[in-house]
Amino acid sequence: MFFKKKEMIQFSGRSHTRLGILAAVIGIIAVIGFIATSLVSSSYNGQGGIAIGIAGLGLFAVSLFGFYISLKALKERDIYYRFPIIGISTNGFIMITLMILYILGIA
């Protein structure tokens, strides 16, 4: 009772993967870009022209790349999964949102 029990401290070899951090940053950039293009489009009352459409396609390509990097980061061994999951969720959300907008725009 007078002695403290030694806690079992085990250090793991896990670390944050660089690809996961890059994917999370790309996802945050894609979200900021989507918000910016949405604000610009709304200021033109939806008549922004081809430049906003090309910017949206560029954001789709960027988020697709970020999603791919996130998947590659998840396949690495002994990593923390925080940043790859953030990258998959943000890039996936932007890809789905842009896909829905383009499908609605075609119809």
N, C-alpha and C. Protein backbone atom coordinates (compact mmCIF):
# COMPACT_ATOMS: atom_id res chain seq x y z
N MET A 1 0.81 -1.18 0.00
CA MET A 1 0.00 0.00 0.00
C MET A 1 0.86 1.26 0.00
N PHE A 2 2.02 1.16 0.60
CA PHE A 2 2.87 2.34 0.66
C PHE A 2 3.68 2.54 -0.61
N PHE A 3 3.72 1.51 -1.42
CA PHE A 3 4.49 1.60 -2.65
C PHE A 3 3.54 1.79 -3.83
N LYS A 4 3.94 2.66 -4.72
CA LYS A 4 3.13 2.86 -5.91
C LYS A 4 3.37 1.71 -6.87
N LYS A 5 2.31 1.29 -7.46
CA LYS A 5 2.46 0.25 -8.47
C LYS A 5 3.05 0.89 -9.72
N LYS A 6 3.95 0.20 -10.29
CA LYS A 6 4.52 0.71 -11.53
C LYS A 6 3.49 0.54 -12.64
N GLU A 7 3.23 1.62 -13.32
CA GLU A 7 2.30 1.53 -14.43
C GLU A 7 3.01 0.91 -15.62
N MET A 8 2.26 0.19 -16.36
CA MET A 8 2.83 -0.45 -17.55
C MET A 8 2.86 0.60 -18.66
N ILE A 9 4.00 1.15 -18.90
CA ILE A 9 4.16 2.12 -19.97
C ILE A 9 4.85 1.42 -21.12
N GLN A 10 4.16 1.41 -22.22
CA GLN A 10 4.74 0.80 -23.41
C GLN A 10 4.77 1.85 -24.50
N PHE A 11 5.93 2.09 -24.98
CA PHE A 11 6.07 3.04 -26.07
C PHE A 11 5.94 2.28 -27.38
N SER A 12 5.09 2.79 -28.22
CA SER A 12 4.92 2.13 -29.51
C SER A 12 5.78 2.85 -30.54
N GLY A 13 6.02 2.18 -31.60
CA GLY A 13 6.80 2.77 -32.68
C GLY A 13 5.94 3.55 -33.65
N ARG A 14 4.71 3.84 -33.25
CA ARG A 14 3.81 4.54 -34.17
C ARG A 14 4.18 6.01 -34.29
N SER A 15 3.88 6.55 -35.44
CA SER A 15 4.12 7.98 -35.68
C SER A 15 3.06 8.49 -36.63
N HIS A 16 3.00 9.80 -36.76
CA HIS A 16 2.10 10.40 -37.73
C HIS A 16 2.74 10.30 -39.10
N THR A 17 1.99 9.80 -40.05
CA THR A 17 2.52 9.63 -41.39
C THR A 17 2.47 10.95 -42.16
N ARG A 18 3.48 11.18 -42.96
CA ARG A 18 3.54 12.43 -43.73
C ARG A 18 2.45 12.46 -44.79
N LEU A 19 2.15 11.31 -45.38
CA LEU A 19 1.08 11.27 -46.38
C LEU A 19 -0.27 11.60 -45.75
N GLY A 20 -0.49 11.14 -44.53
CA GLY A 20 -1.73 11.44 -43.84
C GLY A 20 -1.89 12.92 -43.53
N ILE A 21 -0.80 13.53 -43.09
CA ILE A 21 -0.83 14.97 -42.81
C ILE A 21 -1.06 15.75 -44.10
N LEU A 22 -0.39 15.33 -45.18
CA LEU A 22 -0.58 15.99 -46.48
C LEU A 22 -2.01 15.85 -46.96
N ALA A 23 -2.60 14.67 -46.79
CA ALA A 23 -3.98 14.45 -47.21
C ALA A 23 -4.94 15.31 -46.40
N ALA A 24 -4.70 15.45 -45.11
CA ALA A 24 -5.56 16.30 -44.29
C ALA A 24 -5.44 17.77 -44.70
N VAL A 25 -4.23 18.21 -45.00
CA VAL A 25 -4.04 19.60 -45.45
C VAL A 25 -4.73 19.82 -46.80
N ILE A 26 -4.61 18.85 -47.70
CA ILE A 26 -5.27 18.96 -49.00
C ILE A 26 -6.79 19.02 -48.81
N GLY A 27 -7.31 18.22 -47.89
CA GLY A 27 -8.74 18.25 -47.62
C GLY A 27 -9.21 19.58 -47.07
N ILE A 28 -8.43 20.17 -46.18
CA ILE A 28 -8.79 21.48 -45.63
C ILE A 28 -8.73 22.56 -46.71
N ILE A 29 -7.73 22.47 -47.58
CA ILE A 29 -7.63 23.41 -48.70
C ILE A 29 -8.82 23.26 -49.63
N ALA A 30 -9.24 22.02 -49.89
CA ALA A 30 -10.39 21.78 -50.76
C ALA A 30 -11.67 22.34 -50.15
N VAL A 31 -11.83 22.21 -48.84
CA VAL A 31 -13.02 22.77 -48.17
C VAL A 31 -13.01 24.29 -48.25
N ILE A 32 -11.86 24.90 -48.00
CA ILE A 32 -11.75 26.36 -48.09
C ILE A 32 -12.01 26.83 -49.52
N GLY A 33 -11.47 26.11 -50.50
CA GLY A 33 -11.71 26.45 -51.91
C GLY A 33 -13.17 26.31 -52.29
N PHE A 34 -13.83 25.29 -51.77
CA PHE A 34 -15.25 25.10 -52.06
C PHE A 34 -16.07 26.24 -51.48
N ILE A 35 -15.75 26.63 -50.26
CA ILE A 35 -16.47 27.75 -49.64
C ILE A 35 -16.23 29.03 -50.43
N ALA A 36 -14.99 29.25 -50.87
CA ALA A 36 -14.67 30.46 -51.63
C ALA A 36 -15.40 30.48 -52.96
N THR A 37 -15.41 29.36 -53.69
CA THR A 37 -16.12 29.34 -54.97
C THR A 37 -17.62 29.46 -54.79
N SER A 38 -18.14 28.92 -53.69
CA SER A 38 -19.56 29.07 -53.42
C SER A 38 -19.92 30.53 -53.13
N LEU A 39 -19.07 31.21 -52.38
CA LEU A 39 -19.33 32.62 -52.09
C LEU A 39 -19.24 33.48 -53.34
N VAL A 40 -18.25 33.20 -54.19
CA VAL A 40 -18.11 33.95 -55.45
C VAL A 40 -19.30 33.69 -56.35
N SER A 41 -19.72 32.44 -56.44
CA SER A 41 -20.86 32.11 -57.28
C SER A 41 -22.14 32.76 -56.76
N SER A 42 -22.32 32.80 -55.45
CA SER A 42 -23.52 33.43 -54.92
C SER A 42 -23.49 34.95 -55.08
N SER A 43 -22.31 35.54 -55.11
CA SER A 43 -22.25 36.99 -55.32
C SER A 43 -22.61 37.35 -56.77
N TYR A 44 -22.42 36.41 -57.69
CA TYR A 44 -22.83 36.61 -59.09
C TYR A 44 -24.22 36.05 -59.36
N ASN A 45 -24.96 35.72 -58.31
CA ASN A 45 -26.32 35.17 -58.41
C ASN A 45 -26.37 33.90 -59.26
N GLY A 46 -25.37 33.07 -59.14
CA GLY A 46 -25.34 31.80 -59.86
C GLY A 46 -24.92 31.90 -61.31
N GLN A 47 -24.54 33.07 -61.76
CA GLN A 47 -24.13 33.28 -63.15
C GLN A 47 -22.64 33.60 -63.22
N GLY A 48 -21.84 32.81 -62.52
CA GLY A 48 -20.41 33.07 -62.42
C GLY A 48 -19.62 32.78 -63.68
N GLY A 49 -20.14 31.93 -64.53
CA GLY A 49 -19.46 31.64 -65.77
C GLY A 49 -18.57 30.41 -65.69
N ILE A 50 -17.78 30.27 -66.73
CA ILE A 50 -16.96 29.08 -66.88
C ILE A 50 -15.79 29.04 -65.90
N ALA A 51 -15.34 30.19 -65.46
CA ALA A 51 -14.19 30.23 -64.55
C ALA A 51 -14.51 29.53 -63.22
N ILE A 52 -15.70 29.72 -62.71
CA ILE A 52 -16.08 29.06 -61.47
C ILE A 52 -16.27 27.57 -61.69
N GLY A 53 -16.78 27.18 -62.85
CA GLY A 53 -16.91 25.76 -63.18
C GLY A 53 -15.56 25.07 -63.28
N ILE A 54 -14.59 25.76 -63.89
CA ILE A 54 -13.24 25.19 -63.99
C ILE A 54 -12.60 25.12 -62.60
N ALA A 55 -12.84 26.12 -61.78
CA ALA A 55 -12.31 26.08 -60.41
C ALA A 55 -12.92 24.91 -59.65
N GLY A 56 -14.21 24.64 -59.86
CA GLY A 56 -14.86 23.50 -59.21
C GLY A 56 -14.28 22.18 -59.68
N LEU A 57 -14.01 22.07 -60.98
CA LEU A 57 -13.39 20.85 -61.49
C LEU A 57 -11.98 20.68 -60.94
N GLY A 58 -11.27 21.78 -60.79
CA GLY A 58 -9.94 21.74 -60.18
C GLY A 58 -10.01 21.28 -58.74
N LEU A 59 -11.00 21.77 -58.00
CA LEU A 59 -11.19 21.33 -56.61
C LEU A 59 -11.54 19.85 -56.54
N PHE A 60 -12.33 19.37 -57.52
CA PHE A 60 -12.65 17.95 -57.56
C PHE A 60 -11.39 17.12 -57.77
N ALA A 61 -10.52 17.57 -58.69
CA ALA A 61 -9.27 16.85 -58.96
C ALA A 61 -8.36 16.87 -57.73
N VAL A 62 -8.30 18.00 -57.05
CA VAL A 62 -7.46 18.11 -55.85
C VAL A 62 -7.99 17.18 -54.75
N SER A 63 -9.29 17.14 -54.56
CA SER A 63 -9.84 16.29 -53.51
C SER A 63 -9.73 14.80 -53.89
N LEU A 64 -9.79 14.48 -55.16
CA LEU A 64 -9.57 13.10 -55.60
C LEU A 64 -8.14 12.67 -55.31
N PHE A 65 -7.19 13.56 -55.56
CA PHE A 65 -5.79 13.29 -55.25
C PHE A 65 -5.58 13.13 -53.75
N GLY A 66 -6.21 13.99 -52.95
CA GLY A 66 -6.11 13.89 -51.50
C GLY A 66 -6.72 12.60 -50.97
N PHE A 67 -7.82 12.16 -51.57
CA PHE A 67 -8.45 10.91 -51.19
C PHE A 67 -7.52 9.74 -51.48
N TYR A 68 -6.88 9.76 -52.64
CA TYR A 68 -5.94 8.71 -53.02
C TYR A 68 -4.75 8.66 -52.05
N ILE A 69 -4.22 9.82 -51.69
CA ILE A 69 -3.10 9.88 -50.75
C ILE A 69 -3.53 9.35 -49.38
N SER A 70 -4.76 9.65 -48.97
CA SER A 70 -5.26 9.15 -47.69
C SER A 70 -5.33 7.63 -47.68
N LEU A 71 -5.77 7.06 -48.78
CA LEU A 71 -5.83 5.60 -48.86
C LEU A 71 -4.44 4.98 -48.80
N LYS A 72 -3.48 5.63 -49.46
CA LYS A 72 -2.11 5.13 -49.38
C LYS A 72 -1.56 5.25 -47.97
N ALA A 73 -1.91 6.32 -47.27
CA ALA A 73 -1.42 6.52 -45.91
C ALA A 73 -2.02 5.49 -44.95
N LEU A 74 -3.26 5.08 -45.18
CA LEU A 74 -3.88 4.10 -44.31
C LEU A 74 -3.24 2.72 -44.44
N LYS A 75 -2.59 2.45 -45.54
CA LYS A 75 -1.96 1.15 -45.75
C LYS A 75 -0.59 1.04 -45.10
N GLU A 76 -0.06 2.15 -44.60
CA GLU A 76 1.23 2.09 -43.93
C GLU A 76 1.08 1.40 -42.58
N ARG A 77 2.18 0.88 -42.08
CA ARG A 77 2.14 0.14 -40.82
C ARG A 77 2.60 1.02 -39.65
N ASP A 78 2.06 0.73 -38.50
CA ASP A 78 2.44 1.39 -37.25
C ASP A 78 2.33 2.91 -37.32
N ILE A 79 1.15 3.39 -37.63
CA ILE A 79 0.91 4.83 -37.71
C ILE A 79 -0.29 5.19 -36.83
N TYR A 80 -0.39 6.46 -36.54
CA TYR A 80 -1.61 6.99 -35.94
C TYR A 80 -2.57 7.28 -37.09
N TYR A 81 -3.83 6.98 -36.88
CA TYR A 81 -4.81 7.08 -37.96
C TYR A 81 -5.59 8.38 -37.99
N ARG A 82 -5.23 9.34 -37.16
CA ARG A 82 -5.99 10.59 -37.08
C ARG A 82 -5.98 11.36 -38.40
N PHE A 83 -4.81 11.65 -38.93
CA PHE A 83 -4.73 12.48 -40.13
C PHE A 83 -5.21 11.77 -41.39
N PRO A 84 -4.93 10.48 -41.60
CA PRO A 84 -5.52 9.83 -42.78
C PRO A 84 -7.04 9.80 -42.74
N ILE A 85 -7.63 9.63 -41.55
CA ILE A 85 -9.09 9.62 -41.45
C ILE A 85 -9.65 11.01 -41.73
N ILE A 86 -8.99 12.05 -41.22
CA ILE A 86 -9.42 13.42 -41.51
C ILE A 86 -9.33 13.67 -43.02
N GLY A 87 -8.25 13.20 -43.64
CA GLY A 87 -8.09 13.37 -45.08
C GLY A 87 -9.15 12.66 -45.88
N ILE A 88 -9.46 11.41 -45.50
CA ILE A 88 -10.50 10.66 -46.22
C ILE A 88 -11.86 11.32 -46.06
N SER A 89 -12.18 11.74 -44.87
CA SER A 89 -13.51 12.31 -44.63
C SER A 89 -13.69 13.65 -45.33
N THR A 90 -12.71 14.54 -45.23
CA THR A 90 -12.87 15.86 -45.86
C THR A 90 -12.83 15.75 -47.38
N ASN A 91 -11.88 14.99 -47.91
CA ASN A 91 -11.80 14.86 -49.37
C ASN A 91 -13.00 14.11 -49.93
N GLY A 92 -13.46 13.08 -49.22
CA GLY A 92 -14.64 12.36 -49.66
C GLY A 92 -15.88 13.22 -49.64
N PHE A 93 -16.03 14.04 -48.59
CA PHE A 93 -17.18 14.93 -48.50
C PHE A 93 -17.20 15.93 -49.65
N ILE A 94 -16.04 16.51 -49.95
CA ILE A 94 -15.98 17.48 -51.04
C ILE A 94 -16.24 16.81 -52.39
N MET A 95 -15.68 15.61 -52.59
CA MET A 95 -15.92 14.90 -53.86
C MET A 95 -17.40 14.60 -54.05
N ILE A 96 -18.06 14.11 -53.00
CA ILE A 96 -19.48 13.79 -53.11
C ILE A 96 -20.31 15.05 -53.33
N THR A 97 -19.98 16.11 -52.61
CA THR A 97 -20.71 17.36 -52.76
C THR A 97 -20.57 17.93 -54.17
N LEU A 98 -19.36 17.95 -54.69
CA LEU A 98 -19.16 18.47 -56.04
C LEU A 98 -19.81 17.58 -57.09
N MET A 99 -19.79 16.27 -56.89
CA MET A 99 -20.44 15.36 -57.82
C MET A 99 -21.95 15.60 -57.85
N ILE A 100 -22.55 15.80 -56.68
CA ILE A 100 -23.98 16.08 -56.61
C ILE A 100 -24.29 17.40 -57.31
N LEU A 101 -23.45 18.41 -57.09
CA LEU A 101 -23.68 19.71 -57.74
C LEU A 101 -23.59 19.61 -59.25
N TYR A 102 -22.64 18.83 -59.75
CA TYR A 102 -22.50 18.70 -61.20
C TYR A 102 -23.64 17.88 -61.80
N ILE A 103 -24.10 16.86 -61.09
CA ILE A 103 -25.23 16.08 -61.59
C ILE A 103 -26.49 16.93 -61.61
N LEU A 104 -26.70 17.74 -60.56
CA LEU A 104 -27.85 18.65 -60.57
C LEU A 104 -27.74 19.73 -61.62
N GLY A 105 -26.51 20.15 -61.91
CA GLY A 105 -26.29 21.16 -62.94
C GLY A 105 -26.54 20.65 -64.33
N ILE A 106 -26.28 19.37 -64.56
CA ILE A 106 -26.54 18.77 -65.89
C ILE A 106 -28.02 18.62 -66.10
N ALA A 107 -28.75 18.25 -65.05
CA ALA A 107 -30.20 18.03 -65.17
C ALA A 107 -30.91 19.34 -65.16
